[in-house]
Amino acid sequence: TGELSPLQRPLATEGTMKAQGVLLKLALPALPLLLLLSTPPCAPQVSGIRGDALERFCLQQPLDCDDIYAQGYQSDGVYLIYPLGPSVPVPVFCDMTTEGGKWTVFQKRFNGSVSFFRGWNDYKLGFGRADGEYWLGLQNMHLLTLKQKYELRVDLEDFENNTAYAKYADFSISPNAVSAEEDGYTLYVAGFEDGGAGDSLSYHSGQKFSTFDRDQDLFVQNCAALSSGAFWFRSCHFANLNGFYLGGSHLSYANGINWAQWKGFYYSLKRTEMKIRRA
């Protein structure tokens, strides 16, 4: 019986992948996530999957970390999911331990190694590495929430090792749009539950996503440029989790990794994770 092990280096510049008895050489750049489009259908980029276990995985092709958990793979790590369909695997980090696990992580920051001050196309398709800092991609997030009902959890940590979280019972991205991109990948959240962080996200519900090169906020100026990030800005934000990694207290206004209801506009957080699970 094979065992699916978390992928250690999903987007390494050089790596190997063993699937269906064939050892494949990969030469993949680190960005964007969707450069994995060239990966053969149903060839999980995971080590230690063999025989019957590989066949079962290929037949089931998990939509999200809920599916992976249900298949019996319950360790934190990087796995492949298939929100775009059977021929397009997407690497994702699965949190299998927090509050019962099954969380599909779509945003992860912890050391400032990846720049999040990026344009529209990067945020649409995704960037970074799922075993490090990364953004899953607005299109992937839309497709996930189109197929299932999800809750959202936002985990936060400061540089004094204090932690807090916020939960939302309902989370979706442009659920009723004919074209999610034309709809701006609009955010919908509801059902706030406080885990000590306070509610900094409900203010953004109903807003389109904005980047420095696609201004879709309600402010007279470009909120993404002002806040050094990209988010579902309104006029402008109470949450700026894609802002500059400024390492704690900062003098500049509201352009760090800010969650205003917990640490205000002059404190940039150490670690953030935004993740969803089927409701």
C-alpha atoms as a PDB file:
ATOM      1  CA  THR A   1       0.000   0.000   0.000  1.00  0.00           C
ATOM      2  CA  GLY A   2       1.564   3.263  -1.151  1.00  0.00           C
ATOM      3  CA  GLU A   3       1.484   6.356   0.939  1.00  0.00           C
ATOM      4  CA  LEU A   4       1.158   9.868  -0.403  1.00  0.00           C
ATOM      5  CA  SER A   5       3.886  12.053   1.062  1.00  0.00           C
ATOM      6  CA  PRO A   6       3.763  15.852   1.041  1.00  0.00           C
ATOM      7  CA  LEU A   7       5.723  17.358  -1.806  1.00  0.00           C
ATOM      8  CA  GLN A   8       8.860  19.002  -0.523  1.00  0.00           C
ATOM      9  CA  ARG A   9       9.774  21.131  -3.531  1.00  0.00           C
ATOM     10  CA  PRO A  10       6.773  21.678  -5.814  1.00  0.00           C
ATOM     11  CA  LEU A  11       8.287  24.333  -8.064  1.00  0.00           C
ATOM     12  CA  ALA A  12      12.008  23.698  -7.789  1.00  0.00           C
ATOM     13  CA  THR A  13      14.096  24.824 -10.729  1.00  0.00           C
ATOM     14  CA  GLU A  14      15.153  21.222 -11.158  1.00  0.00           C
ATOM     15  CA  GLY A  15      13.457  18.182  -9.759  1.00  0.00           C
ATOM     16  CA  THR A  16      12.148  14.736 -10.512  1.00  0.00           C
ATOM     17  CA  MET A  17       8.728  13.197 -10.448  1.00  0.00           C
ATOM     18  CA  LYS A  18       7.908   9.503 -10.368  1.00  0.00           C
ATOM     19  CA  ALA A  19       4.464   8.568 -11.631  1.00  0.00           C
ATOM     20  CA  GLN A  20       3.162   5.356 -13.178  1.00  0.00           C
ATOM     21  CA  GLY A  21       6.669   3.907 -13.163  1.00  0.00           C
ATOM     22  CA  VAL A  22       8.174   6.714 -15.246  1.00  0.00           C
ATOM     23  CA  LEU A  23      10.803   9.052 -13.848  1.00  0.00           C
ATOM     24  CA  LEU A  24      10.241  12.509 -15.313  1.00  0.00           C
ATOM     25  CA  LYS A  25      12.820  15.279 -15.336  1.00  0.00           C
ATOM     26  CA  LEU A  26      11.404  18.709 -14.565  1.00  0.00           C
ATOM     27  CA  ALA A  27      12.933  22.091 -15.282  1.00  0.00           C
ATOM     28  CA  LEU A  28      10.392  24.497 -13.834  1.00  0.00           C
ATOM     29  CA  PRO A  29      10.842  28.169 -12.986  1.00  0.00           C
ATOM     30  CA  ALA A  30       9.614  29.229  -9.586  1.00  0.00           C
ATOM     31  CA  LEU A  31       6.802  31.411 -10.998  1.00  0.00           C
ATOM     32  CA  PRO A  32       3.947  31.305 -11.664  1.00  0.00           C
ATOM     33  CA  LEU A  33       2.091  28.354 -10.170  1.00  0.00           C
ATOM     34  CA  LEU A  34       0.232  27.723 -13.406  1.00  0.00           C
ATOM     35  CA  LEU A  35       3.428  26.954 -15.290  1.00  0.00           C
ATOM     36  CA  LEU A  36       2.589  23.449 -14.117  1.00  0.00           C
ATOM     37  CA  LEU A  37       0.136  23.359 -17.029  1.00  0.00           C
ATOM     38  CA  SER A  38       2.787  21.352 -18.876  1.00  0.00           C
ATOM     39  CA  THR A  39       2.677  18.593 -16.255  1.00  0.00           C
ATOM     40  CA  PRO A  40       1.195  15.381 -17.716  1.00  0.00           C
ATOM     41  CA  PRO A  41      -2.404  14.706 -16.661  1.00  0.00           C
ATOM     42  CA  CYS A  42      -2.724  12.770 -13.442  1.00  0.00           C
ATOM     43  CA  ALA A  43       0.950  12.729 -12.578  1.00  0.00           C
ATOM     44  CA  PRO A  44       1.040  13.849  -8.935  1.00  0.00           C
ATOM     45  CA  GLN A  45       4.235  15.686  -8.043  1.00  0.00           C
ATOM     46  CA  VAL A  46       4.601  13.760  -4.846  1.00  0.00           C
ATOM     47  CA  SER A  47       7.101  11.222  -3.634  1.00  0.00           C
ATOM     48  CA  GLY A  48       6.273   7.799  -2.298  1.00  0.00           C
ATOM     49  CA  ILE A  49       3.035   7.156  -4.205  1.00  0.00           C
ATOM     50  CA  ARG A  50       3.018   3.777  -5.908  1.00  0.00           C
ATOM     51  CA  GLY A  51       0.798   1.169  -7.476  1.00  0.00           C
ATOM     52  CA  ASP A  52      -2.793   1.051  -6.295  1.00  0.00           C
ATOM     53  CA  ALA A  53      -2.430   4.253  -4.281  1.00  0.00           C
ATOM     54  CA  LEU A  54      -1.348   6.130  -7.412  1.00  0.00           C
ATOM     55  CA  GLU A  55      -4.253   4.713  -9.395  1.00  0.00           C
ATOM     56  CA  ARG A  56      -6.754   5.721  -6.709  1.00  0.00           C
ATOM     57  CA  PHE A  57      -5.306   9.225  -6.528  1.00  0.00           C
ATOM     58  CA  CYS A  58      -5.453   9.592 -10.319  1.00  0.00           C
ATOM     59  CA  LEU A  59      -9.050   8.442 -10.482  1.00  0.00           C
ATOM     60  CA  GLN A  60     -10.200  10.743  -7.695  1.00  0.00           C
ATOM     61  CA  GLN A  61      -8.125  13.845  -8.532  1.00  0.00           C
ATOM     62  CA  PRO A  62      -8.831  15.917  -5.404  1.00  0.00           C
ATOM     63  CA  LEU A  63     -10.509  19.287  -5.723  1.00  0.00           C
ATOM     64  CA  ASP A  64      -9.094  20.577  -2.445  1.00  0.00           C
ATOM     65  CA  CYS A  65      -7.492  19.558   0.841  1.00  0.00           C
ATOM     66  CA  ASP A  66     -10.832  18.194   2.075  1.00  0.00           C
ATOM     67  CA  ASP A  67     -10.652  15.549  -0.640  1.00  0.00           C
ATOM     68  CA  ILE A  68      -7.021  14.770   0.162  1.00  0.00           C
ATOM     69  CA  TYR A  69      -7.837  14.379   3.856  1.00  0.00           C
ATOM     70  CA  ALA A  70     -10.738  12.068   3.001  1.00  0.00           C
ATOM     71  CA  GLN A  71      -8.332   9.856   1.032  1.00  0.00           C
ATOM     72  CA  GLY A  72      -6.393   9.300   4.249  1.00  0.00           C
ATOM     73  CA  TYR A  73      -3.497  11.698   3.726  1.00  0.00           C
ATOM     74  CA  GLN A  74      -3.564  13.774   6.887  1.00  0.00           C
ATOM     75  CA  SER A  75      -0.113  15.327   7.269  1.00  0.00           C
ATOM     76  CA  ASP A  76       0.583  19.016   6.732  1.00  0.00           C
ATOM     77  CA  GLY A  77       2.363  19.629   3.448  1.00  0.00           C
ATOM     78  CA  VAL A  78       2.113  20.337  -0.248  1.00  0.00           C
ATOM     79  CA  TYR A  79      -0.201  18.287  -2.449  1.00  0.00           C
ATOM     80  CA  LEU A  80      -1.747  18.634  -5.893  1.00  0.00           C
ATOM     81  CA  ILE A  81      -5.357  19.677  -6.367  1.00  0.00           C
ATOM     82  CA  TYR A  82      -7.388  19.996  -9.562  1.00  0.00           C
ATOM     83  CA  PRO A  83      -9.714  23.040  -9.453  1.00  0.00           C
ATOM     84  CA  LEU A  84      -9.195  23.633 -13.190  1.00  0.00           C
ATOM     85  CA  GLY A  85      -9.949  20.060 -14.217  1.00  0.00           C
ATOM     86  CA  PRO A  86      -8.209  16.686 -14.589  1.00  0.00           C
ATOM     87  CA  SER A  87      -5.358  17.856 -16.833  1.00  0.00           C
ATOM     88  CA  VAL A  88      -4.232  20.820 -14.723  1.00  0.00           C
ATOM     89  CA  PRO A  89      -2.667  19.966 -11.346  1.00  0.00           C
ATOM     90  CA  VAL A  90      -2.051  22.873  -8.987  1.00  0.00           C
ATOM     91  CA  PRO A  91       0.300  22.620  -5.972  1.00  0.00           C
ATOM     92  CA  VAL A  92      -1.194  23.807  -2.703  1.00  0.00           C
ATOM     93  CA  PHE A  93      -0.275  23.727   0.979  1.00  0.00           C
ATOM     94  CA  CYS A  94      -2.715  21.728   3.100  1.00  0.00           C
ATOM     95  CA  ASP A  95      -3.054  22.500   6.806  1.00  0.00           C
ATOM     96  CA  MET A  96      -4.199  19.150   8.149  1.00  0.00           C
ATOM     97  CA  THR A  97      -3.853  19.903  11.872  1.00  0.00           C
ATOM     98  CA  THR A  98      -5.377  23.287  12.778  1.00  0.00           C
ATOM     99  CA  GLU A  99      -8.871  22.873  14.207  1.00  0.00           C
ATOM    100  CA  GLY A 100      -9.387  19.483  12.608  1.00  0.00           C
ATOM    101  CA  GLY A 101      -7.414  20.208   9.449  1.00  0.00           C
ATOM    102  CA  LYS A 102      -8.622  20.024   5.826  1.00  0.00           C
ATOM    103  CA  TRP A 103      -7.631  23.660   5.177  1.00  0.00           C
ATOM    104  CA  THR A 104      -6.640  24.655   1.633  1.00  0.00           C
ATOM    105  CA  VAL A 105      -4.171  27.518   2.107  1.00  0.00           C
ATOM    106  CA  PHE A 106      -4.383  30.222  -0.567  1.00  0.00           C
ATOM    107  CA  GLN A 107      -2.118  32.849   1.018  1.00  0.00           C
ATOM    108  CA  LYS A 108       0.958  32.200   3.151  1.00  0.00           C
ATOM    109  CA  ARG A 109       3.612  34.608   4.388  1.00  0.00           C
ATOM    110  CA  PHE A 110       6.231  34.129   7.070  1.00  0.00           C
ATOM    111  CA  ASN A 111       9.624  35.615   6.154  1.00  0.00           C
ATOM    112  CA  GLY A 112       9.346  38.203   3.378  1.00  0.00           C
ATOM    113  CA  SER A 113      11.203  36.051   0.842  1.00  0.00           C
ATOM    114  CA  VAL A 114       8.572  36.607  -1.865  1.00  0.00           C
ATOM    115  CA  SER A 115       7.435  40.019  -3.082  1.00  0.00           C
ATOM    116  CA  PHE A 116       3.662  40.439  -2.947  1.00  0.00           C
ATOM    117  CA  PHE A 117       3.697  43.879  -4.590  1.00  0.00           C
ATOM    118  CA  ARG A 118       2.691  42.475  -7.960  1.00  0.00           C
ATOM    119  CA  GLY A 119       0.401  43.158 -10.866  1.00  0.00           C
ATOM    120  CA  TRP A 120      -2.958  41.778 -11.895  1.00  0.00           C
ATOM    121  CA  ASN A 121      -1.794  38.801 -13.914  1.00  0.00           C
ATOM    122  CA  ASP A 122       0.314  37.412 -11.081  1.00  0.00           C
ATOM    123  CA  TYR A 123      -2.568  37.671  -8.644  1.00  0.00           C
ATOM    124  CA  LYS A 124      -4.934  36.098 -11.146  1.00  0.00           C
ATOM    125  CA  LEU A 125      -2.722  33.067 -11.868  1.00  0.00           C
ATOM    126  CA  GLY A 126      -0.804  32.726  -8.602  1.00  0.00           C
ATOM    127  CA  PHE A 127       2.847  33.061  -7.635  1.00  0.00           C
ATOM    128  CA  GLY A 128       5.463  31.758  -5.229  1.00  0.00           C
ATOM    129  CA  ARG A 129       5.987  28.193  -4.050  1.00  0.00           C
ATOM    130  CA  ALA A 130       3.472  26.218  -2.069  1.00  0.00           C
ATOM    131  CA  ASP A 131       6.229  25.008   0.254  1.00  0.00           C
ATOM    132  CA  GLY A 132       7.115  28.635   1.002  1.00  0.00           C
ATOM    133  CA  GLU A 133       5.420  31.997   0.665  1.00  0.00           C
ATOM    134  CA  TYR A 134       2.772  31.989  -2.040  1.00  0.00           C
ATOM    135  CA  TRP A 135      -0.564  33.119  -3.440  1.00  0.00           C
ATOM    136  CA  LEU A 136      -2.750  30.413  -4.973  1.00  0.00           C
ATOM    137  CA  GLY A 137      -4.374  32.623  -7.611  1.00  0.00           C
ATOM    138  CA  LEU A 138      -7.735  34.352  -7.865  1.00  0.00           C
ATOM    139  CA  GLN A 139      -8.930  32.129 -10.694  1.00  0.00           C
ATOM    140  CA  ASN A 140      -8.191  28.983  -8.692  1.00  0.00           C
ATOM    141  CA  MET A 141      -9.933  30.457  -5.658  1.00  0.00           C
ATOM    142  CA  HIS A 142     -12.982  31.372  -7.749  1.00  0.00           C
ATOM    143  CA  LEU A 143     -13.231  27.877  -9.223  1.00  0.00           C
ATOM    144  CA  LEU A 144     -12.975  26.274  -5.796  1.00  0.00           C
ATOM    145  CA  THR A 145     -15.712  28.420  -4.267  1.00  0.00           C
ATOM    146  CA  LEU A 146     -17.861  27.939  -7.359  1.00  0.00           C
ATOM    147  CA  LYS A 147     -17.950  24.185  -6.761  1.00  0.00           C
ATOM    148  CA  GLN A 148     -18.273  24.023  -2.972  1.00  0.00           C
ATOM    149  CA  LYS A 149     -19.358  26.161  -0.025  1.00  0.00           C
ATOM    150  CA  TYR A 150     -16.376  27.243   2.067  1.00  0.00           C
ATOM    151  CA  GLU A 151     -15.511  28.838   5.370  1.00  0.00           C
ATOM    152  CA  LEU A 152     -12.432  31.047   5.755  1.00  0.00           C
ATOM    153  CA  ARG A 153      -9.851  31.141   8.516  1.00  0.00           C
ATOM    154  CA  VAL A 154      -7.193  33.867   8.775  1.00  0.00           C
ATOM    155  CA  ASP A 155      -4.268  32.987  11.059  1.00  0.00           C
ATOM    156  CA  LEU A 156      -1.981  35.784  12.259  1.00  0.00           C
ATOM    157  CA  GLU A 157       1.236  35.964  14.272  1.00  0.00           C
ATOM    158  CA  ASP A 158       3.271  38.972  15.402  1.00  0.00           C
ATOM    159  CA  PHE A 159       6.994  39.242  16.129  1.00  0.00           C
ATOM    160  CA  GLU A 160       6.400  38.697  19.838  1.00  0.00           C
ATOM    161  CA  ASN A 161       5.001  35.225  19.025  1.00  0.00           C
ATOM    162  CA  ASN A 162       1.440  36.213  19.855  1.00  0.00           C
ATOM    163  CA  THR A 163      -1.174  34.544  17.675  1.00  0.00           C
ATOM    164  CA  ALA A 164      -4.775  35.281  16.800  1.00  0.00           C
ATOM    165  CA  TYR A 165      -7.281  34.317  14.151  1.00  0.00           C
ATOM    166  CA  ALA A 166     -10.513  35.383  12.522  1.00  0.00           C
ATOM    167  CA  LYS A 167     -13.054  33.024  10.953  1.00  0.00           C
ATOM    168  CA  TYR A 168     -15.859  33.611   8.491  1.00  0.00           C
ATOM    169  CA  ALA A 169     -18.587  31.022   7.991  1.00  0.00           C
ATOM    170  CA  ASP A 170     -19.096  31.983   4.335  1.00  0.00           C
ATOM    171  CA  PHE A 171     -16.396  32.786   1.793  1.00  0.00           C
ATOM    172  CA  SER A 172     -16.629  33.015  -1.983  1.00  0.00           C
ATOM    173  CA  ILE A 173     -15.124  34.810  -4.973  1.00  0.00           C
ATOM    174  CA  SER A 174     -17.527  36.129  -7.655  1.00  0.00           C
ATOM    175  CA  PRO A 175     -19.958  33.205  -7.198  1.00  0.00           C
ATOM    176  CA  ASN A 176     -22.640  34.542  -9.542  1.00  0.00           C
ATOM    177  CA  ALA A 177     -20.499  36.102 -12.254  1.00  0.00           C
ATOM    178  CA  VAL A 178     -20.487  35.004 -15.886  1.00  0.00           C
ATOM    179  CA  SER A 179     -16.841  36.092 -15.990  1.00  0.00           C
ATOM    180  CA  ALA A 180     -15.110  36.218 -12.624  1.00  0.00           C
ATOM    181  CA  GLU A 181     -12.291  38.356 -13.993  1.00  0.00           C
ATOM    182  CA  GLU A 182     -14.676  40.923 -15.455  1.00  0.00           C
ATOM    183  CA  ASP A 183     -16.437  40.899 -12.093  1.00  0.00           C
ATOM    184  CA  GLY A 184     -13.097  41.721 -10.485  1.00  0.00           C
ATOM    185  CA  TYR A 185     -12.936  38.509  -8.440  1.00  0.00           C
ATOM    186  CA  THR A 186     -15.285  40.112  -5.939  1.00  0.00           C
ATOM    187  CA  LEU A 187     -14.936  38.992  -2.329  1.00  0.00           C
ATOM    188  CA  TYR A 188     -17.895  37.805  -0.260  1.00  0.00           C
ATOM    189  CA  VAL A 189     -17.484  36.988   3.434  1.00  0.00           C
ATOM    190  CA  ALA A 190     -20.043  36.665   6.225  1.00  0.00           C
ATOM    191  CA  GLY A 191     -20.487  35.012   9.600  1.00  0.00           C
ATOM    192  CA  PHE A 192     -17.519  36.429  11.508  1.00  0.00           C
ATOM    193  CA  GLU A 193     -16.183  34.472  14.494  1.00  0.00           C
ATOM    194  CA  ASP A 194     -13.520  36.111  16.648  1.00  0.00           C
ATOM    195  CA  GLY A 195     -10.366  34.249  17.579  1.00  0.00           C
ATOM    196  CA  GLY A 196      -8.761  37.294  19.127  1.00  0.00           C
ATOM    197  CA  ALA A 197      -7.881  39.101  15.901  1.00  0.00           C
ATOM    198  CA  GLY A 198     -11.050  41.145  15.516  1.00  0.00           C
ATOM    199  CA  ASP A 199     -12.921  41.634  12.261  1.00  0.00           C
ATOM    200  CA  SER A 200     -10.853  43.486   9.672  1.00  0.00           C
ATOM    201  CA  LEU A 201     -12.261  41.715   6.617  1.00  0.00           C
ATOM    202  CA  SER A 202     -16.022  42.318   6.600  1.00  0.00           C
ATOM    203  CA  TYR A 203     -15.293  45.911   5.535  1.00  0.00           C
ATOM    204  CA  HIS A 204     -13.898  44.480   2.288  1.00  0.00           C
ATOM    205  CA  SER A 205     -16.836  42.195   1.471  1.00  0.00           C
ATOM    206  CA  GLY A 206     -18.448  43.079  -1.838  1.00  0.00           C
ATOM    207  CA  GLN A 207     -15.281  44.692  -3.191  1.00  0.00           C
ATOM    208  CA  LYS A 208     -13.354  43.855  -6.346  1.00  0.00           C
ATOM    209  CA  PHE A 209      -9.694  42.899  -6.174  1.00  0.00           C
ATOM    210  CA  SER A 210      -7.232  45.689  -6.954  1.00  0.00           C
ATOM    211  CA  THR A 211      -3.568  45.767  -7.928  1.00  0.00           C
ATOM    212  CA  PHE A 212      -1.320  48.692  -8.792  1.00  0.00           C
ATOM    213  CA  ASP A 213      -2.046  48.112 -12.485  1.00  0.00           C
ATOM    214  CA  ARG A 214      -5.795  47.477 -12.117  1.00  0.00           C
ATOM    215  CA  ASP A 215      -7.470  49.968  -9.786  1.00  0.00           C
ATOM    216  CA  GLN A 216     -10.965  48.749  -8.889  1.00  0.00           C
ATOM    217  CA  ASP A 217     -11.389  50.277  -5.431  1.00  0.00           C
ATOM    218  CA  LEU A 218     -13.726  53.093  -4.377  1.00  0.00           C
ATOM    219  CA  PHE A 219     -11.028  55.594  -3.411  1.00  0.00           C
ATOM    220  CA  VAL A 220     -10.018  58.566  -5.538  1.00  0.00           C
ATOM    221  CA  GLN A 221      -6.431  57.287  -5.550  1.00  0.00           C
ATOM    222  CA  ASN A 222      -5.043  53.797  -6.205  1.00  0.00           C
ATOM    223  CA  CYS A 223      -5.260  51.920  -2.896  1.00  0.00           C
ATOM    224  CA  ALA A 224      -2.929  49.145  -4.056  1.00  0.00           C
ATOM    225  CA  ALA A 225      -0.192  51.653  -4.842  1.00  0.00           C
ATOM    226  CA  LEU A 226      -0.789  53.580  -1.612  1.00  0.00           C
ATOM    227  CA  SER A 227      -0.800  50.398   0.478  1.00  0.00           C
ATOM    228  CA  SER A 228       2.101  48.674  -1.320  1.00  0.00           C
ATOM    229  CA  GLY A 229       0.080  45.540  -1.911  1.00  0.00           C
ATOM    230  CA  ALA A 230      -2.977  44.061  -3.586  1.00  0.00           C
ATOM    231  CA  PHE A 231      -6.305  43.228  -1.989  1.00  0.00           C
ATOM    232  CA  TRP A 232     -10.061  43.711  -2.073  1.00  0.00           C
ATOM    233  CA  PHE A 233      -9.582  47.376  -1.250  1.00  0.00           C
ATOM    234  CA  ARG A 234     -12.475  49.667  -0.536  1.00  0.00           C
ATOM    235  CA  SER A 235     -11.384  53.165   0.573  1.00  0.00           C
ATOM    236  CA  CYS A 236      -8.776  51.765   1.388  1.00  0.00           C
ATOM    237  CA  HIS A 237      -8.467  48.967   3.992  1.00  0.00           C
ATOM    238  CA  PHE A 238      -8.628  47.472   7.450  1.00  0.00           C
ATOM    239  CA  ALA A 239      -6.746  44.404   6.189  1.00  0.00           C
ATOM    240  CA  ASN A 240      -3.658  44.559   3.997  1.00  0.00           C
ATOM    241  CA  LEU A 241      -2.233  41.062   4.226  1.00  0.00           C
ATOM    242  CA  ASN A 242      -0.413  41.378   0.893  1.00  0.00           C
ATOM    243  CA  GLY A 243       1.410  44.569   1.895  1.00  0.00           C
ATOM    244  CA  PHE A 244       5.137  45.059   2.409  1.00  0.00           C
ATOM    245  CA  TYR A 245       6.900  42.719   4.853  1.00  0.00           C
ATOM    246  CA  LEU A 246       8.119  45.446   7.219  1.00  0.00           C
ATOM    247  CA  GLY A 247       9.016  43.344  10.252  1.00  0.00           C
ATOM    248  CA  GLY A 248       6.880  44.695  13.069  1.00  0.00           C
ATOM    249  CA  SER A 249       6.337  48.340  13.973  1.00  0.00           C
ATOM    250  CA  HIS A 250       6.783  50.803  11.108  1.00  0.00           C
ATOM    251  CA  LEU A 251       6.514  54.563  10.640  1.00  0.00           C
ATOM    252  CA  SER A 252       4.822  54.489   7.233  1.00  0.00           C
ATOM    253  CA  TYR A 253       1.033  54.425   7.245  1.00  0.00           C
ATOM    254  CA  ALA A 254      -0.927  51.261   6.419  1.00  0.00           C
ATOM    255  CA  ASN A 255       1.456  49.720   3.887  1.00  0.00           C
ATOM    256  CA  GLY A 256       2.711  46.728   5.870  1.00  0.00           C
ATOM    257  CA  ILE A 257       1.057  43.382   6.508  1.00  0.00           C
ATOM    258  CA  ASN A 258      -1.673  45.034   8.537  1.00  0.00           C
ATOM    259  CA  TRP A 259      -4.740  43.663  10.310  1.00  0.00           C
ATOM    260  CA  ALA A 260      -6.028  46.863  11.847  1.00  0.00           C
ATOM    261  CA  GLN A 261      -8.423  45.419  14.410  1.00  0.00           C
ATOM    262  CA  TRP A 262      -5.586  43.483  16.041  1.00  0.00           C
ATOM    263  CA  LYS A 263      -2.384  45.509  15.575  1.00  0.00           C
ATOM    264  CA  GLY A 264      -3.432  48.722  13.855  1.00  0.00           C
ATOM    265  CA  PHE A 265      -2.007  50.389  10.754  1.00  0.00           C
ATOM    266  CA  TYR A 266       1.593  50.743  11.973  1.00  0.00           C
ATOM    267  CA  TYR A 267       2.461  47.107  12.679  1.00  0.00           C
ATOM    268  CA  SER A 268       3.454  44.609   9.994  1.00  0.00           C
ATOM    269  CA  LEU A 269       2.793  41.001  10.985  1.00  0.00           C
ATOM    270  CA  LYS A 270       5.313  38.170  11.006  1.00  0.00           C
ATOM    271  CA  ARG A 271       3.111  35.379   9.673  1.00  0.00           C
ATOM    272  CA  THR A 272      -0.225  35.156   7.914  1.00  0.00           C
ATOM    273  CA  GLU A 273      -2.236  32.323   6.430  1.00  0.00           C
ATOM    274  CA  MET A 274      -5.555  32.633   4.641  1.00  0.00           C
ATOM    275  CA  LYS A 275      -7.192  29.254   4.160  1.00  0.00           C
ATOM    276  CA  ILE A 276     -10.533  27.732   3.307  1.00  0.00           C
ATOM    277  CA  ARG A 277     -12.374  24.551   4.220  1.00  0.00           C
ATOM    278  CA  ARG A 278     -15.707  23.157   3.122  1.00  0.00           C
ATOM    279  CA  ALA A 279     -18.494  24.443   5.321  1.00  0.00           C
END
